[in-house]
Each structure stands twice: as structure tokens, then as C-alpha cells.
Amino acid sequence: MRKHIEAVNNYWNETESNIHKTVKKPVQESVKKYDDLKSLDKLYAAQEKVNEITDVMQENTKKMLENVQSVEVSFWRSIKA
């Protein structure tokens, strides 16, 4: 009886190992493929570009407002002096 139990355990261990070997490469390829959605989905790629441009524009606007504020402060200081 013990031999039969060991045989069953060995079978499952070998089967699991074979499944792992068989599935490993296709899964790795799929993960690599879908890891970069920009290359698969044009809409996603376009949205990413829009997001990048929006971030740049927001940063530029922030700098512009800081410059305007600086100029206003300088202006009011010059008037008081």
C-alpha cells in the first residue's frame, strides 16, 4: 500500500513539474507582451501621450503663475519705495 501512495505522490510531483515546464515559456511571453500596453493598444498609447502633454502643460502653467506673482511682487515693492 505504501508503494502505491508513493507512486501516486511521485506521479503528481512529476506531472506538476511537467505542467510547469510546458506552461512557463508561453506565460512569460504573454506577460512580456501585455506588460507594454502602448504597443498593443493605440487608444492606450494616445491616452498616455495626452497624459504626458497634460503634465508638461500643468508644470509650465505653474511656473508661469509663479513668474507673474514674482513680477507683481516686484512691481508693488517698486511702487512703495
Protein backbone atom coordinates (compact mmCIF):
# COMPACT_ATOMS: atom_id res chain seq x y z
CA MET A 1 0.00 0.00 0.00
CA ARG A 2 2.80 2.40 0.87
CA LYS A 3 4.40 1.84 -2.56
CA HIS A 4 1.14 2.80 -4.23
CA ILE A 5 0.86 6.00 -2.19
CA GLU A 6 4.46 6.92 -3.03
CA ALA A 7 3.82 6.16 -6.69
CA VAL A 8 0.78 8.48 -6.69
CA ASN A 9 2.76 11.24 -4.95
CA ASN A 10 5.60 10.87 -7.44
CA TYR A 11 3.13 10.97 -10.31
CA TRP A 12 1.63 14.24 -9.10
CA ASN A 13 5.05 15.79 -8.48
CA GLU A 14 6.25 14.80 -11.95
CA THR A 15 3.01 15.96 -13.56
CA GLU A 16 3.19 19.33 -11.79
CA SER A 17 6.79 19.75 -12.88
CA ASN A 18 5.93 18.89 -16.49
CA ILE A 19 3.00 21.31 -16.48
CA HIS A 20 5.27 23.99 -15.09
CA LYS A 21 7.85 23.37 -17.82
CA THR A 22 5.18 23.33 -20.53
CA VAL A 23 3.39 26.48 -19.41
CA LYS A 24 6.33 28.57 -18.24
CA LYS A 25 7.52 29.89 -21.62
CA PRO A 26 4.08 30.82 -23.05
CA VAL A 27 3.16 32.58 -19.81
CA GLN A 28 6.44 34.51 -19.81
CA GLU A 29 5.84 35.55 -23.43
CA SER A 30 2.29 36.68 -22.63
CA VAL A 31 3.44 38.66 -19.61
CA LYS A 32 6.14 40.34 -21.68
CA LYS A 33 3.67 41.09 -24.49
CA TYR A 34 0.99 42.60 -22.26
CA ASP A 35 3.45 44.41 -20.00
CA ASP A 36 3.71 47.20 -22.59
CA LEU A 37 0.13 48.15 -23.40
CA LYS A 38 1.23 51.05 -25.60
CA SER A 39 2.47 48.62 -28.22
CA LEU A 40 -0.85 46.73 -28.25
CA ASP A 41 -3.50 49.37 -27.89
CA LYS A 42 -3.39 52.55 -29.99
CA LEU A 43 -6.02 54.23 -27.84
CA TYR A 44 -4.00 53.49 -24.71
CA ALA A 45 -0.86 54.84 -26.38
CA ALA A 46 -2.67 58.02 -27.42
CA GLN A 47 -4.05 58.50 -23.90
CA GLU A 48 -0.54 58.10 -22.47
CA LYS A 49 0.73 60.83 -24.80
CA VAL A 50 -2.15 63.10 -23.78
CA ASN A 51 -1.34 62.47 -20.12
CA GLU A 52 2.33 63.31 -20.67
CA ILE A 53 1.49 66.52 -22.52
CA THR A 54 -1.04 67.48 -19.85
CA ASP A 55 1.60 67.04 -17.15
CA VAL A 56 4.06 69.24 -19.06
CA MET A 57 1.42 71.92 -19.65
CA GLN A 58 0.41 71.93 -15.99
CA GLU A 59 4.03 72.32 -14.92
CA ASN A 60 4.54 75.16 -17.42
CA THR A 61 1.39 76.90 -16.21
CA LYS A 62 2.54 76.59 -12.61
CA LYS A 63 5.92 78.16 -13.49
CA MET A 64 4.20 80.93 -15.45
CA LEU A 65 1.96 81.79 -12.50
CA GLU A 66 4.97 81.83 -10.18
CA ASN A 67 6.71 84.24 -12.58
CA VAL A 68 3.64 86.50 -12.76
CA GLN A 69 3.43 86.54 -8.99
CA SER A 70 7.12 87.40 -8.75
CA VAL A 71 6.69 90.27 -11.21
CA GLU A 72 3.66 91.59 -9.32
CA VAL A 73 5.54 91.49 -6.02
CA SER A 74 8.47 93.33 -7.59
CA PHE A 75 6.10 95.88 -9.10
CA TRP A 76 4.36 96.62 -5.81
CA ARG A 77 7.65 96.84 -3.97
CA SER A 78 8.95 99.36 -6.51
CA ILE A 79 5.83 101.50 -6.13
CA LYS A 80 6.15 101.57 -2.33
CA ALA A 81 9.80 102.54 -2.47
